[in-house]
Amino acid sequence: MFTGLIEEVGTLRRVFRQGEAMILTIAAERIMDDVRLGDSIAVNGVCLTVVAADHGEFSADVMPETFRHTNLSELAPGSPVNLERAMRAGGRFGGHIVQGHVDGTGVISERRAEANAVVFTVEPHRKELFRHMVPQGSVALDGISLTIVDADAGSGRFRVSIIPHTLRETALQRKRPGDTVNIECDVLGKYVDHLLRTRLPDAAASGGLTEAKLREYGFMA
């Protein structure tokens, strides 16, 4: 599990590609202190497993499923990437629950300054992601824990506002309109949506839950 607080911006050194499979070798400093084989590291918000680590670099496999559904396929040597090690048990929880399981990608359609912040407008490629987006709720973009300003399924856009520190300390500072970002929706929202659609389909269809329905399905005594 991750928190969405980026520890370091690493640099992609090498890419070995065979079809839709890749091995990424990434240079880093801060996170390399205790990296071991088999560790989980979020790279642009994608949970990857360390398969080699030495001399300030680590390597990780990217399987075809990840290649097809994230922006890792667009990386080239020299690309900056957001890095976060998996959270230790008992560690400080500063962001929100981020699994490193990307739900889809989106394109940045606008970037504009607003006082001390920069507002990014993002258009997800999969419109069903809006089911899991709540204004003032959480979302992870390229692994960064952010708060949704607003989300409009009708226009197919949502917005996030970035403070100077976050922009300065992440690879988001290099992103411009037309660039792609990985999107991971709040895991709590995904589970609630799944529960309503699979365990309580009639409740979802009728517009919501009632105490009687909760009792009927065994959630209340």
C-alpha atoms as a PDB file:
ATOM      1  CA  MET A   1       0.000   0.000   0.000  1.00  0.00           C
ATOM      2  CA  PHE A   2       1.121   3.565  -0.739  1.00  0.00           C
ATOM      3  CA  THR A   3       0.025   6.998   0.475  1.00  0.00           C
ATOM      4  CA  GLY A   4       0.427   9.146  -2.635  1.00  0.00           C
ATOM      5  CA  LEU A   5       3.210  11.230  -1.099  1.00  0.00           C
ATOM      6  CA  ILE A   6       6.030  11.159  -3.649  1.00  0.00           C
ATOM      7  CA  GLU A   7       9.430  10.553  -2.084  1.00  0.00           C
ATOM      8  CA  GLU A   8      11.593  11.335  -5.082  1.00  0.00           C
ATOM      9  CA  VAL A   9      11.574  12.035  -8.805  1.00  0.00           C
ATOM     10  CA  GLY A  10      13.747   9.409 -10.475  1.00  0.00           C
ATOM     11  CA  THR A  11      15.102   9.277 -14.024  1.00  0.00           C
ATOM     12  CA  LEU A  12      14.483   6.440 -16.442  1.00  0.00           C
ATOM     13  CA  ARG A  13      17.892   5.210 -17.595  1.00  0.00           C
ATOM     14  CA  ARG A  14      17.108   2.243 -19.827  1.00  0.00           C
ATOM     15  CA  VAL A  15      14.125   0.502 -21.389  1.00  0.00           C
ATOM     16  CA  PHE A  16      14.295  -3.072 -22.625  1.00  0.00           C
ATOM     17  CA  ARG A  17      11.172  -3.832 -24.635  1.00  0.00           C
ATOM     18  CA  GLN A  18       9.849  -7.058 -26.125  1.00  0.00           C
ATOM     19  CA  GLY A  19       6.450  -6.428 -27.636  1.00  0.00           C
ATOM     20  CA  GLU A  20       4.212  -5.260 -24.802  1.00  0.00           C
ATOM     21  CA  ALA A  21       6.623  -6.403 -22.075  1.00  0.00           C
ATOM     22  CA  MET A  22       9.298  -4.089 -20.683  1.00  0.00           C
ATOM     23  CA  ILE A  23      12.065  -3.905 -18.126  1.00  0.00           C
ATOM     24  CA  LEU A  24      12.581  -0.388 -16.783  1.00  0.00           C
ATOM     25  CA  THR A  25      15.852   0.661 -15.134  1.00  0.00           C
ATOM     26  CA  ILE A  26      15.460   3.797 -13.039  1.00  0.00           C
ATOM     27  CA  ALA A  27      18.092   5.933 -11.320  1.00  0.00           C
ATOM     28  CA  ALA A  28      17.218   7.226  -7.856  1.00  0.00           C
ATOM     29  CA  GLU A  29      18.968   8.432  -4.698  1.00  0.00           C
ATOM     30  CA  ARG A  30      16.772   8.834  -1.638  1.00  0.00           C
ATOM     31  CA  ILE A  31      14.735   5.641  -1.962  1.00  0.00           C
ATOM     32  CA  MET A  32      17.749   3.423  -2.674  1.00  0.00           C
ATOM     33  CA  ASP A  33      18.873   3.372   0.970  1.00  0.00           C
ATOM     34  CA  ASP A  34      16.912   0.236   1.819  1.00  0.00           C
ATOM     35  CA  VAL A  35      15.660  -1.162  -1.496  1.00  0.00           C
ATOM     36  CA  ARG A  36      15.740  -4.954  -1.666  1.00  0.00           C
ATOM     37  CA  LEU A  37      14.789  -7.504  -4.310  1.00  0.00           C
ATOM     38  CA  GLY A  38      11.042  -8.091  -4.268  1.00  0.00           C
ATOM     39  CA  ASP A  39      10.209  -4.688  -2.796  1.00  0.00           C
ATOM     40  CA  SER A  40       7.239  -2.760  -4.165  1.00  0.00           C
ATOM     41  CA  ILE A  41       7.837   0.707  -5.577  1.00  0.00           C
ATOM     42  CA  ALA A  42       5.185   2.887  -7.174  1.00  0.00           C
ATOM     43  CA  VAL A  43       6.471   4.311 -10.466  1.00  0.00           C
ATOM     44  CA  ASN A  44       4.137   7.053 -11.706  1.00  0.00           C
ATOM     45  CA  GLY A  45       1.564   5.467  -9.442  1.00  0.00           C
ATOM     46  CA  VAL A  46       2.022   1.931 -10.800  1.00  0.00           C
ATOM     47  CA  CYS A  47       3.027  -0.702  -8.250  1.00  0.00           C
ATOM     48  CA  LEU A  48       6.108  -2.494  -9.625  1.00  0.00           C
ATOM     49  CA  THR A  49       8.358  -5.153  -8.115  1.00  0.00           C
ATOM     50  CA  VAL A  50      12.107  -4.612  -7.841  1.00  0.00           C
ATOM     51  CA  VAL A  51      13.948  -7.365  -9.766  1.00  0.00           C
ATOM     52  CA  ALA A  52      17.451  -5.839  -9.532  1.00  0.00           C
ATOM     53  CA  ALA A  53      19.037  -3.026  -7.536  1.00  0.00           C
ATOM     54  CA  ASP A  54      22.625  -1.765  -7.577  1.00  0.00           C
ATOM     55  CA  HIS A  55      24.705   1.433  -7.810  1.00  0.00           C
ATOM     56  CA  GLY A  56      21.838   3.873  -7.445  1.00  0.00           C
ATOM     57  CA  GLU A  57      19.527   2.119  -9.888  1.00  0.00           C
ATOM     58  CA  PHE A  58      16.739  -0.424  -9.721  1.00  0.00           C
ATOM     59  CA  SER A  59      14.971  -2.446 -12.388  1.00  0.00           C
ATOM     60  CA  ALA A  60      11.353  -3.592 -12.573  1.00  0.00           C
ATOM     61  CA  ASP A  61       9.301  -5.681 -14.993  1.00  0.00           C
ATOM     62  CA  VAL A  62       6.264  -4.242 -16.757  1.00  0.00           C
ATOM     63  CA  MET A  63       3.827  -6.891 -17.984  1.00  0.00           C
ATOM     64  CA  PRO A  64       1.550  -6.457 -21.039  1.00  0.00           C
ATOM     65  CA  GLU A  65      -1.536  -5.649 -18.918  1.00  0.00           C
ATOM     66  CA  THR A  66       0.328  -2.767 -17.282  1.00  0.00           C
ATOM     67  CA  PHE A  67       1.822  -1.698 -20.623  1.00  0.00           C
ATOM     68  CA  ARG A  68      -1.637  -1.394 -22.170  1.00  0.00           C
ATOM     69  CA  HIS A  69      -3.400   0.413 -19.334  1.00  0.00           C
ATOM     70  CA  THR A  70      -0.845   2.922 -17.986  1.00  0.00           C
ATOM     71  CA  ASN A  71       1.413   5.654 -19.303  1.00  0.00           C
ATOM     72  CA  LEU A  72       4.551   3.590 -18.630  1.00  0.00           C
ATOM     73  CA  SER A  73       4.455   2.557 -22.289  1.00  0.00           C
ATOM     74  CA  GLU A  74       5.169   6.195 -23.236  1.00  0.00           C
ATOM     75  CA  LEU A  75       8.359   6.470 -21.191  1.00  0.00           C
ATOM     76  CA  ALA A  76      11.755   6.904 -22.835  1.00  0.00           C
ATOM     77  CA  PRO A  77      15.272   7.191 -21.431  1.00  0.00           C
ATOM     78  CA  GLY A  78      15.542  10.502 -19.607  1.00  0.00           C
ATOM     79  CA  SER A  79      11.877  10.598 -18.567  1.00  0.00           C
ATOM     80  CA  PRO A  80      11.274  11.769 -14.975  1.00  0.00           C
ATOM     81  CA  VAL A  81       9.109   9.421 -12.893  1.00  0.00           C
ATOM     82  CA  ASN A  82       7.431   9.774  -9.503  1.00  0.00           C
ATOM     83  CA  LEU A  83       8.691   7.236  -6.969  1.00  0.00           C
ATOM     84  CA  GLU A  84       7.249   6.043  -3.664  1.00  0.00           C
ATOM     85  CA  ARG A  85       8.201   3.010  -1.612  1.00  0.00           C
ATOM     86  CA  ALA A  86       5.456   0.896  -0.065  1.00  0.00           C
ATOM     87  CA  MET A  87       4.310   2.234   3.297  1.00  0.00           C
ATOM     88  CA  ARG A  88       5.741   0.547   6.375  1.00  0.00           C
ATOM     89  CA  ALA A  89       3.369  -0.724   9.038  1.00  0.00           C
ATOM     90  CA  GLY A  90       3.104   1.956  11.698  1.00  0.00           C
ATOM     91  CA  GLY A  91       4.334   4.693   9.350  1.00  0.00           C
ATOM     92  CA  ARG A  92       2.812   8.141   9.187  1.00  0.00           C
ATOM     93  CA  PHE A  93      -0.208   8.242   6.873  1.00  0.00           C
ATOM     94  CA  GLY A  94      -0.091  11.620   5.143  1.00  0.00           C
ATOM     95  CA  GLY A  95      -2.040  11.132   1.909  1.00  0.00           C
ATOM     96  CA  HIS A  96      -4.804   8.627   1.199  1.00  0.00           C
ATOM     97  CA  ILE A  97      -4.923   4.878   0.509  1.00  0.00           C
ATOM     98  CA  VAL A  98      -3.194   4.329  -2.841  1.00  0.00           C
ATOM     99  CA  GLN A  99      -2.855   0.738  -4.057  1.00  0.00           C
ATOM    100  CA  GLY A 100      -0.738   1.315  -7.135  1.00  0.00           C
ATOM    101  CA  HIS A 101      -3.481  -0.338  -9.210  1.00  0.00           C
ATOM    102  CA  VAL A 102      -4.180   2.186 -11.965  1.00  0.00           C
ATOM    103  CA  ASP A 103      -7.813   2.395 -13.087  1.00  0.00           C
ATOM    104  CA  GLY A 104      -7.042   4.099 -16.371  1.00  0.00           C
ATOM    105  CA  THR A 105      -5.317   7.002 -18.038  1.00  0.00           C
ATOM    106  CA  GLY A 106      -6.406  10.511 -18.915  1.00  0.00           C
ATOM    107  CA  VAL A 107      -5.130  13.419 -20.926  1.00  0.00           C
ATOM    108  CA  ILE A 108      -4.421  16.865 -19.500  1.00  0.00           C
ATOM    109  CA  SER A 109      -6.642  19.273 -21.399  1.00  0.00           C
ATOM    110  CA  GLU A 110      -5.787  22.471 -19.509  1.00  0.00           C
ATOM    111  CA  ARG A 111      -3.141  23.792 -17.134  1.00  0.00           C
ATOM    112  CA  ARG A 112      -3.617  27.268 -15.673  1.00  0.00           C
ATOM    113  CA  ALA A 113      -2.325  29.320 -12.782  1.00  0.00           C
ATOM    114  CA  GLU A 114      -4.725  30.357 -10.019  1.00  0.00           C
ATOM    115  CA  ALA A 115      -3.016  32.568  -7.408  1.00  0.00           C
ATOM    116  CA  ASN A 116      -0.368  30.335  -5.796  1.00  0.00           C
ATOM    117  CA  ALA A 117      -1.808  27.118  -7.273  1.00  0.00           C
ATOM    118  CA  VAL A 118      -1.865  25.455 -10.671  1.00  0.00           C
ATOM    119  CA  VAL A 119      -5.153  23.885 -11.762  1.00  0.00           C
ATOM    120  CA  PHE A 120      -5.044  20.833 -14.026  1.00  0.00           C
ATOM    121  CA  THR A 121      -8.082  19.711 -16.006  1.00  0.00           C
ATOM    122  CA  VAL A 122      -8.013  16.017 -16.919  1.00  0.00           C
ATOM    123  CA  GLU A 123     -10.159  14.042 -19.349  1.00  0.00           C
ATOM    124  CA  PRO A 124     -10.201  10.300 -18.473  1.00  0.00           C
ATOM    125  CA  HIS A 125     -10.172   7.915 -21.411  1.00  0.00           C
ATOM    126  CA  ARG A 126     -12.695   5.726 -19.577  1.00  0.00           C
ATOM    127  CA  LYS A 127     -15.765   7.794 -18.659  1.00  0.00           C
ATOM    128  CA  GLU A 128     -16.971   5.178 -16.146  1.00  0.00           C
ATOM    129  CA  LEU A 129     -14.237   6.390 -13.781  1.00  0.00           C
ATOM    130  CA  PHE A 130     -16.532   9.272 -12.869  1.00  0.00           C
ATOM    131  CA  ARG A 131     -18.604   6.783 -10.824  1.00  0.00           C
ATOM    132  CA  HIS A 132     -15.768   6.816  -8.313  1.00  0.00           C
ATOM    133  CA  MET A 133     -15.031  10.559  -8.292  1.00  0.00           C
ATOM    134  CA  VAL A 134     -16.470  12.813  -5.602  1.00  0.00           C
ATOM    135  CA  PRO A 135     -15.799  16.563  -5.330  1.00  0.00           C
ATOM    136  CA  GLN A 136     -13.361  17.125  -2.446  1.00  0.00           C
ATOM    137  CA  GLY A 137     -12.659  13.391  -2.547  1.00  0.00           C
ATOM    138  CA  SER A 138      -9.312  11.775  -3.280  1.00  0.00           C
ATOM    139  CA  VAL A 139      -7.683  10.758  -6.541  1.00  0.00           C
ATOM    140  CA  ALA A 140      -4.106   9.791  -7.448  1.00  0.00           C
ATOM    141  CA  LEU A 141      -2.538  11.200 -10.619  1.00  0.00           C
ATOM    142  CA  ASP A 142       0.764   9.563 -11.547  1.00  0.00           C
ATOM    143  CA  GLY A 143       0.825   8.334  -7.947  1.00  0.00           C
ATOM    144  CA  ILE A 144       0.291  11.780  -6.358  1.00  0.00           C
ATOM    145  CA  SER A 145      -2.434  12.025  -3.715  1.00  0.00           C
ATOM    146  CA  LEU A 146      -4.684  14.925  -4.762  1.00  0.00           C
ATOM    147  CA  THR A 147      -8.091  16.362  -3.947  1.00  0.00           C
ATOM    148  CA  ILE A 148     -10.741  16.611  -6.658  1.00  0.00           C
ATOM    149  CA  VAL A 149     -11.982  20.186  -7.101  1.00  0.00           C
ATOM    150  CA  ASP A 150     -14.919  19.134  -9.252  1.00  0.00           C
ATOM    151  CA  ALA A 151     -15.882  16.254 -11.533  1.00  0.00           C
ATOM    152  CA  ASP A 152     -18.372  16.553 -14.401  1.00  0.00           C
ATOM    153  CA  ALA A 153     -19.245  13.296 -16.130  1.00  0.00           C
ATOM    154  CA  GLY A 154     -21.261  15.245 -18.697  1.00  0.00           C
ATOM    155  CA  SER A 155     -18.251  17.175 -19.960  1.00  0.00           C
ATOM    156  CA  GLY A 156     -15.925  14.247 -19.284  1.00  0.00           C
ATOM    157  CA  ARG A 157     -13.535  16.368 -17.208  1.00  0.00           C
ATOM    158  CA  PHE A 158     -12.365  16.726 -13.630  1.00  0.00           C
ATOM    159  CA  ARG A 159     -10.042  19.254 -12.036  1.00  0.00           C
ATOM    160  CA  VAL A 160      -7.373  19.179  -9.352  1.00  0.00           C
ATOM    161  CA  SER A 161      -5.517  22.102  -7.794  1.00  0.00           C
ATOM    162  CA  ILE A 162      -1.788  21.709  -7.120  1.00  0.00           C
ATOM    163  CA  ILE A 163       0.118  23.628  -4.427  1.00  0.00           C
ATOM    164  CA  PRO A 164       3.641  24.889  -5.244  1.00  0.00           C
ATOM    165  CA  HIS A 165       5.391  22.261  -3.082  1.00  0.00           C
ATOM    166  CA  THR A 166       3.674  19.343  -4.839  1.00  0.00           C
ATOM    167  CA  LEU A 167       4.396  20.805  -8.265  1.00  0.00           C
ATOM    168  CA  ARG A 168       8.033  21.417  -7.384  1.00  0.00           C
ATOM    169  CA  GLU A 169       8.675  17.988  -5.837  1.00  0.00           C
ATOM    170  CA  THR A 170       6.985  15.773  -8.456  1.00  0.00           C
ATOM    171  CA  ALA A 171       7.224  15.085 -12.178  1.00  0.00           C
ATOM    172  CA  LEU A 172       3.872  16.833 -12.597  1.00  0.00           C
ATOM    173  CA  GLN A 173       5.786  20.086 -13.080  1.00  0.00           C
ATOM    174  CA  ARG A 174       6.838  18.787 -16.515  1.00  0.00           C
ATOM    175  CA  LYS A 175       3.314  17.874 -17.605  1.00  0.00           C
ATOM    176  CA  ARG A 176       1.557  20.017 -20.195  1.00  0.00           C
ATOM    177  CA  PRO A 177      -1.793  19.851 -22.068  1.00  0.00           C
ATOM    178  CA  GLY A 178      -1.810  16.757 -24.259  1.00  0.00           C
ATOM    179  CA  ASP A 179       0.271  14.702 -21.824  1.00  0.00           C
ATOM    180  CA  THR A 180      -1.102  11.501 -20.300  1.00  0.00           C
ATOM    181  CA  VAL A 181      -1.460  10.764 -16.584  1.00  0.00           C
ATOM    182  CA  ASN A 182      -2.271   7.578 -14.696  1.00  0.00           C
ATOM    183  CA  ILE A 183      -5.503   7.744 -12.685  1.00  0.00           C
ATOM    184  CA  GLU A 184      -6.286   5.722  -9.580  1.00  0.00           C
ATOM    185  CA  CYS A 185      -9.642   6.444  -7.973  1.00  0.00           C
ATOM    186  CA  ASP A 186     -10.286   6.248  -4.240  1.00  0.00           C
ATOM    187  CA  VAL A 187     -10.379   2.573  -3.268  1.00  0.00           C
ATOM    188  CA  LEU A 188     -13.212   3.152  -0.776  1.00  0.00           C
ATOM    189  CA  GLY A 189     -15.430   4.529  -3.525  1.00  0.00           C
ATOM    190  CA  LYS A 190     -14.614   1.590  -5.791  1.00  0.00           C
ATOM    191  CA  TYR A 191     -15.602  -0.965  -3.151  1.00  0.00           C
ATOM    192  CA  VAL A 192     -18.844   0.840  -2.308  1.00  0.00           C
ATOM    193  CA  ASP A 193     -19.744   1.022  -6.005  1.00  0.00           C
ATOM    194  CA  HIS A 194     -18.944  -2.664  -6.503  1.00  0.00           C
ATOM    195  CA  LEU A 195     -21.023  -3.637  -3.469  1.00  0.00           C
ATOM    196  CA  LEU A 196     -24.025  -1.680  -4.670  1.00  0.00           C
ATOM    197  CA  ARG A 197     -23.810  -3.096  -8.175  1.00  0.00           C
ATOM    198  CA  THR A 198     -23.247  -6.738  -7.278  1.00  0.00           C
ATOM    199  CA  ARG A 199     -24.635  -7.389  -3.792  1.00  0.00           C
ATOM    200  CA  LEU A 200     -27.448  -4.849  -3.759  1.00  0.00           C
ATOM    201  CA  PRO A 201     -28.479  -4.382  -7.398  1.00  0.00           C
ATOM    202  CA  ASP A 202     -32.126  -3.635  -6.629  1.00  0.00           C
ATOM    203  CA  ALA A 203     -31.129  -1.013  -4.045  1.00  0.00           C
ATOM    204  CA  ALA A 204     -28.880   0.748  -6.544  1.00  0.00           C
ATOM    205  CA  ALA A 205     -31.580   0.634  -9.229  1.00  0.00           C
ATOM    206  CA  SER A 206     -34.235   2.066  -6.927  1.00  0.00           C
ATOM    207  CA  GLY A 207     -32.150   5.101  -6.061  1.00  0.00           C
ATOM    208  CA  GLY A 208     -30.450   4.251  -2.789  1.00  0.00           C
ATOM    209  CA  LEU A 209     -30.370   2.289   0.434  1.00  0.00           C
ATOM    210  CA  THR A 210     -32.916   2.210   3.203  1.00  0.00           C
ATOM    211  CA  GLU A 211     -32.769   0.726   6.677  1.00  0.00           C
ATOM    212  CA  ALA A 212     -35.155  -2.015   5.545  1.00  0.00           C
ATOM    213  CA  LYS A 213     -32.884  -2.972   2.643  1.00  0.00           C
ATOM    214  CA  LEU A 214     -29.823  -3.047   4.880  1.00  0.00           C
ATOM    215  CA  ARG A 215     -31.656  -5.411   7.234  1.00  0.00           C
ATOM    216  CA  GLU A 216     -32.846  -7.569   4.345  1.00  0.00           C
ATOM    217  CA  TYR A 217     -29.296  -8.083   3.084  1.00  0.00           C
ATOM    218  CA  GLY A 218     -27.876  -8.799   6.520  1.00  0.00           C
ATOM    219  CA  PHE A 219     -25.995  -5.569   7.181  1.00  0.00           C
ATOM    220  CA  MET A 220     -28.115  -4.759  10.263  1.00  0.00           C
ATOM    221  CA  ALA A 221     -29.463  -7.004  12.980  1.00  0.00           C
END
